[in-house]
Amino acid sequence: MPFSAPWWFWLSLTGVSLAGALGVKFVGLFIILQVGLNTIADLWYLFGDLSLSLKMCKDHPATVCEVTVGKHLTARVLCLIVLPLALYTATFAVHFMVLSK
């Protein structure tokens, strides 16, 4: 179920794992490439699904309540790009602080 607590947990855990994969070995870039390609394929499917593109309000059928595809895109950008980059950068910041002493 999209946007439920377990969905957010697993998406965020994937982002943390991506940061760990990149931080351990440079080969982690291949893992990032694989997850990125799977995410692009999933978003491509969501963009093509017209029933998910715009959800109509129950009270006002003529107005648009929420854009589900935009939520999916934002969630993936935050959890699969921003979170891994922040963790990877924070790891190097800790390394630089420890090395300077």
N, C-alpha and C. Protein backbone atom coordinates (compact mmCIF):
# COMPACT_ATOMS: atom_id res chain seq x y z
N MET A 1 0.85 -1.18 0.00
CA MET A 1 0.00 0.00 0.00
C MET A 1 0.90 1.24 0.00
N PRO A 2 0.85 2.05 -1.04
CA PRO A 2 1.69 3.24 -1.10
C PRO A 2 1.39 4.23 0.01
N PHE A 3 2.45 4.87 0.50
CA PHE A 3 2.41 5.94 1.50
C PHE A 3 1.96 5.46 2.88
N SER A 4 1.98 4.16 3.12
CA SER A 4 1.71 3.65 4.46
C SER A 4 3.02 3.65 5.24
N ALA A 5 2.95 3.40 6.53
CA ALA A 5 4.16 3.40 7.36
C ALA A 5 5.17 2.34 6.91
N PRO A 6 4.76 1.10 6.62
CA PRO A 6 5.74 0.13 6.13
C PRO A 6 6.35 0.52 4.78
N TRP A 7 5.56 1.15 3.92
CA TRP A 7 6.07 1.59 2.62
C TRP A 7 7.17 2.63 2.80
N TRP A 8 6.93 3.61 3.67
CA TRP A 8 7.95 4.63 3.95
C TRP A 8 9.17 4.01 4.62
N PHE A 9 8.95 3.05 5.52
CA PHE A 9 10.06 2.39 6.19
C PHE A 9 10.98 1.70 5.18
N TRP A 10 10.41 0.91 4.28
CA TRP A 10 11.23 0.17 3.33
C TRP A 10 11.87 1.09 2.29
N LEU A 11 11.20 2.16 1.90
CA LEU A 11 11.79 3.10 0.96
C LEU A 11 12.96 3.84 1.61
N SER A 12 12.79 4.24 2.87
CA SER A 12 13.88 4.90 3.59
C SER A 12 15.04 3.94 3.86
N LEU A 13 14.73 2.70 4.21
CA LEU A 13 15.77 1.71 4.44
C LEU A 13 16.55 1.42 3.16
N THR A 14 15.88 1.46 2.02
CA THR A 14 16.57 1.32 0.74
C THR A 14 17.54 2.47 0.54
N GLY A 15 17.13 3.69 0.89
CA GLY A 15 18.02 4.84 0.78
C GLY A 15 19.23 4.73 1.69
N VAL A 16 19.01 4.26 2.92
CA VAL A 16 20.13 4.06 3.85
C VAL A 16 21.08 2.99 3.31
N SER A 17 20.53 1.93 2.76
CA SER A 17 21.35 0.87 2.18
C SER A 17 22.14 1.36 0.98
N LEU A 18 21.55 2.24 0.19
CA LEU A 18 22.27 2.81 -0.95
C LEU A 18 23.47 3.63 -0.47
N ALA A 19 23.29 4.39 0.59
CA ALA A 19 24.41 5.16 1.13
C ALA A 19 25.50 4.23 1.65
N GLY A 20 25.10 3.15 2.31
CA GLY A 20 26.08 2.18 2.79
C GLY A 20 26.79 1.47 1.67
N ALA A 21 26.08 1.12 0.61
CA ALA A 21 26.70 0.44 -0.52
C ALA A 21 27.71 1.34 -1.21
N LEU A 22 27.40 2.60 -1.34
CA LEU A 22 28.33 3.53 -1.98
C LEU A 22 29.52 3.81 -1.07
N GLY A 23 29.29 3.85 0.24
CA GLY A 23 30.36 4.16 1.17
C GLY A 23 31.35 3.03 1.36
N VAL A 24 30.91 1.78 1.19
CA VAL A 24 31.79 0.65 1.43
C VAL A 24 32.73 0.42 0.26
N LYS A 25 32.22 0.36 -0.90
CA LYS A 25 33.02 0.13 -2.10
C LYS A 25 32.49 1.01 -3.22
N PHE A 26 33.38 1.31 -4.15
CA PHE A 26 32.97 2.09 -5.31
C PHE A 26 32.04 1.28 -6.21
N VAL A 27 32.07 -0.04 -6.03
CA VAL A 27 31.19 -0.92 -6.80
C VAL A 27 29.73 -0.66 -6.41
N GLY A 28 29.51 0.01 -5.29
CA GLY A 28 28.16 0.37 -4.88
C GLY A 28 27.44 1.23 -5.91
N LEU A 29 28.20 1.85 -6.79
CA LEU A 29 27.57 2.62 -7.88
C LEU A 29 26.71 1.72 -8.76
N PHE A 30 27.12 0.45 -8.92
CA PHE A 30 26.31 -0.47 -9.71
C PHE A 30 25.00 -0.78 -9.00
N ILE A 31 25.04 -0.84 -7.68
CA ILE A 31 23.80 -1.05 -6.91
C ILE A 31 22.89 0.17 -7.08
N ILE A 32 23.48 1.36 -7.02
CA ILE A 32 22.70 2.59 -7.21
C ILE A 32 22.12 2.62 -8.61
N LEU A 33 22.89 2.18 -9.60
CA LEU A 33 22.39 2.13 -10.98
C LEU A 33 21.21 1.16 -11.09
N GLN A 34 21.32 0.00 -10.45
CA GLN A 34 20.24 -1.00 -10.50
C GLN A 34 18.96 -0.47 -9.84
N VAL A 35 19.10 0.12 -8.66
CA VAL A 35 17.93 0.68 -7.96
C VAL A 35 17.36 1.85 -8.77
N GLY A 36 18.24 2.66 -9.34
CA GLY A 36 17.78 3.79 -10.15
C GLY A 36 17.00 3.34 -11.37
N LEU A 37 17.48 2.31 -12.05
CA LEU A 37 16.77 1.80 -13.22
C LEU A 37 15.42 1.19 -12.83
N ASN A 38 15.39 0.47 -11.71
CA ASN A 38 14.11 -0.07 -11.24
C ASN A 38 13.14 1.03 -10.85
N THR A 39 13.64 2.10 -10.25
CA THR A 39 12.79 3.22 -9.86
C THR A 39 12.25 3.93 -11.10
N ILE A 40 13.10 4.12 -12.10
CA ILE A 40 12.65 4.75 -13.35
C ILE A 40 11.57 3.90 -14.01
N ALA A 41 11.76 2.58 -14.02
CA ALA A 41 10.75 1.69 -14.62
C ALA A 41 9.44 1.77 -13.85
N ASP A 42 9.51 1.82 -12.52
CA ASP A 42 8.31 1.91 -11.71
C ASP A 42 7.59 3.24 -11.93
N LEU A 43 8.35 4.33 -11.98
CA LEU A 43 7.73 5.64 -12.23
C LEU A 43 7.16 5.72 -13.64
N TRP A 44 7.82 5.10 -14.59
CA TRP A 44 7.30 5.07 -15.97
C TRP A 44 5.95 4.37 -15.99
N TYR A 45 5.83 3.28 -15.24
CA TYR A 45 4.56 2.58 -15.14
C TYR A 45 3.50 3.46 -14.47
N LEU A 46 3.89 4.18 -13.41
CA LEU A 46 2.94 5.05 -12.73
C LEU A 46 2.50 6.22 -13.60
N PHE A 47 3.43 6.78 -14.39
CA PHE A 47 3.05 7.87 -15.29
C PHE A 47 2.07 7.41 -16.36
N GLY A 48 2.17 6.15 -16.75
CA GLY A 48 1.27 5.61 -17.78
C GLY A 48 -0.08 5.17 -17.25
N ASP A 49 -0.19 5.00 -15.94
CA ASP A 49 -1.45 4.56 -15.33
C ASP A 49 -2.35 5.77 -15.13
N LEU A 50 -3.32 5.93 -15.99
CA LEU A 50 -4.18 7.12 -15.94
C LEU A 50 -5.09 7.14 -14.71
N SER A 51 -5.34 5.99 -14.11
CA SER A 51 -6.18 5.99 -12.91
C SER A 51 -5.44 6.56 -11.70
N LEU A 52 -4.10 6.56 -11.72
CA LEU A 52 -3.33 7.09 -10.61
C LEU A 52 -2.86 8.52 -10.82
N SER A 53 -2.90 9.00 -12.06
CA SER A 53 -2.30 10.30 -12.33
C SER A 53 -3.00 11.43 -11.59
N LEU A 54 -4.31 11.42 -11.57
CA LEU A 54 -5.06 12.44 -10.83
C LEU A 54 -6.19 11.76 -10.07
N LYS A 55 -6.25 11.98 -8.79
CA LYS A 55 -7.34 11.44 -7.98
C LYS A 55 -8.39 12.52 -7.83
N MET A 56 -9.61 12.17 -8.06
CA MET A 56 -10.69 13.13 -7.94
C MET A 56 -11.27 13.09 -6.52
N CYS A 57 -11.69 14.24 -6.05
CA CYS A 57 -12.33 14.32 -4.73
C CYS A 57 -13.70 13.65 -4.79
N LYS A 58 -14.08 13.08 -3.67
CA LYS A 58 -15.41 12.48 -3.62
C LYS A 58 -16.49 13.56 -3.50
N ASP A 59 -16.16 14.64 -2.77
CA ASP A 59 -17.15 15.69 -2.57
C ASP A 59 -17.30 16.57 -3.81
N HIS A 60 -16.19 16.87 -4.44
CA HIS A 60 -16.21 17.75 -5.60
C HIS A 60 -15.52 17.03 -6.76
N PRO A 61 -16.28 16.29 -7.58
CA PRO A 61 -15.66 15.50 -8.64
C PRO A 61 -14.96 16.34 -9.71
N ALA A 62 -15.25 17.61 -9.80
CA ALA A 62 -14.62 18.42 -10.85
C ALA A 62 -13.26 18.97 -10.43
N THR A 63 -12.95 18.92 -9.16
CA THR A 63 -11.67 19.46 -8.70
C THR A 63 -10.68 18.33 -8.43
N VAL A 64 -9.43 18.66 -8.54
CA VAL A 64 -8.38 17.67 -8.31
C VAL A 64 -7.93 17.78 -6.86
N CYS A 65 -7.96 16.67 -6.13
CA CYS A 65 -7.57 16.67 -4.71
C CYS A 65 -6.07 16.52 -4.55
N GLU A 66 -5.50 15.51 -5.16
CA GLU A 66 -4.09 15.24 -4.96
C GLU A 66 -3.49 14.65 -6.23
N VAL A 67 -2.27 14.90 -6.42
CA VAL A 67 -1.56 14.35 -7.56
C VAL A 67 -0.71 13.20 -7.03
N THR A 68 -1.15 11.97 -7.27
CA THR A 68 -0.50 10.80 -6.72
C THR A 68 0.88 10.59 -7.33
N VAL A 69 1.01 10.80 -8.61
CA VAL A 69 2.30 10.59 -9.28
C VAL A 69 3.34 11.56 -8.74
N GLY A 70 2.95 12.78 -8.49
CA GLY A 70 3.87 13.76 -7.90
C GLY A 70 4.33 13.34 -6.52
N LYS A 71 3.44 12.73 -5.75
CA LYS A 71 3.82 12.23 -4.43
C LYS A 71 4.82 11.09 -4.55
N HIS A 72 4.59 10.19 -5.49
CA HIS A 72 5.52 9.08 -5.71
C HIS A 72 6.89 9.61 -6.12
N LEU A 73 6.92 10.55 -7.02
CA LEU A 73 8.18 11.12 -7.49
C LEU A 73 8.91 11.83 -6.34
N THR A 74 8.19 12.62 -5.56
CA THR A 74 8.79 13.33 -4.44
C THR A 74 9.33 12.36 -3.39
N ALA A 75 8.56 11.33 -3.09
CA ALA A 75 8.99 10.35 -2.09
C ALA A 75 10.27 9.65 -2.53
N ARG A 76 10.34 9.29 -3.79
CA ARG A 76 11.53 8.60 -4.29
C ARG A 76 12.74 9.53 -4.35
N VAL A 77 12.52 10.76 -4.71
CA VAL A 77 13.65 11.72 -4.74
C VAL A 77 14.19 11.91 -3.33
N LEU A 78 13.29 12.08 -2.35
CA LEU A 78 13.73 12.29 -0.98
C LEU A 78 14.43 11.06 -0.40
N CYS A 79 13.83 9.89 -0.58
CA CYS A 79 14.36 8.69 0.08
C CYS A 79 15.48 8.02 -0.71
N LEU A 80 15.52 8.16 -2.02
CA LEU A 80 16.51 7.44 -2.81
C LEU A 80 17.62 8.32 -3.37
N ILE A 81 17.49 9.64 -3.23
CA ILE A 81 18.56 10.54 -3.68
C ILE A 81 19.05 11.40 -2.53
N VAL A 82 18.15 12.15 -1.90
CA VAL A 82 18.55 13.10 -0.86
C VAL A 82 19.08 12.37 0.38
N LEU A 83 18.36 11.36 0.87
CA LEU A 83 18.77 10.63 2.07
C LEU A 83 20.13 9.95 1.88
N PRO A 84 20.37 9.19 0.80
CA PRO A 84 21.70 8.59 0.64
C PRO A 84 22.82 9.62 0.52
N LEU A 85 22.58 10.70 -0.21
CA LEU A 85 23.61 11.73 -0.33
C LEU A 85 23.91 12.39 1.02
N ALA A 86 22.87 12.63 1.80
CA ALA A 86 23.08 13.23 3.13
C ALA A 86 23.87 12.30 4.04
N LEU A 87 23.54 11.02 4.03
CA LEU A 87 24.26 10.06 4.87
C LEU A 87 25.70 9.88 4.40
N TYR A 88 25.90 9.81 3.10
CA TYR A 88 27.24 9.66 2.53
C TYR A 88 28.11 10.87 2.88
N THR A 89 27.55 12.05 2.75
CA THR A 89 28.27 13.28 3.08
C THR A 89 28.55 13.37 4.58
N ALA A 90 27.58 12.97 5.40
CA ALA A 90 27.77 13.00 6.85
C ALA A 90 28.87 12.03 7.28
N THR A 91 28.95 10.89 6.60
CA THR A 91 30.02 9.93 6.91
C THR A 91 31.38 10.53 6.63
N PHE A 92 31.53 11.22 5.51
CA PHE A 92 32.80 11.85 5.19
C PHE A 92 33.09 13.02 6.13
N ALA A 93 32.08 13.73 6.56
CA ALA A 93 32.30 14.82 7.52
C ALA A 93 32.85 14.26 8.83
N VAL A 94 32.31 13.13 9.28
CA VAL A 94 32.83 12.49 10.49
C VAL A 94 34.27 12.05 10.27
N HIS A 95 34.56 11.47 9.12
CA HIS A 95 35.94 11.05 8.81
C HIS A 95 36.91 12.22 8.83
N PHE A 96 36.53 13.32 8.25
CA PHE A 96 37.40 14.49 8.21
C PHE A 96 37.60 15.08 9.60
N MET A 97 36.57 15.06 10.43
CA MET A 97 36.72 15.56 11.80
C MET A 97 37.66 14.66 12.60
N VAL A 98 37.56 13.36 12.40
CA VAL A 98 38.41 12.44 13.14
C VAL A 98 39.86 12.51 12.63
N LEU A 99 40.05 12.65 11.32
CA LEU A 99 41.39 12.69 10.74
C LEU A 99 42.17 13.95 11.10
N SER A 100 41.48 15.04 11.33
CA SER A 100 42.18 16.30 11.61
C SER A 100 42.73 16.36 13.03
N LYS A 101 42.31 15.44 13.89
CA LYS A 101 42.77 15.47 15.28
C LYS A 101 43.94 14.56 15.50
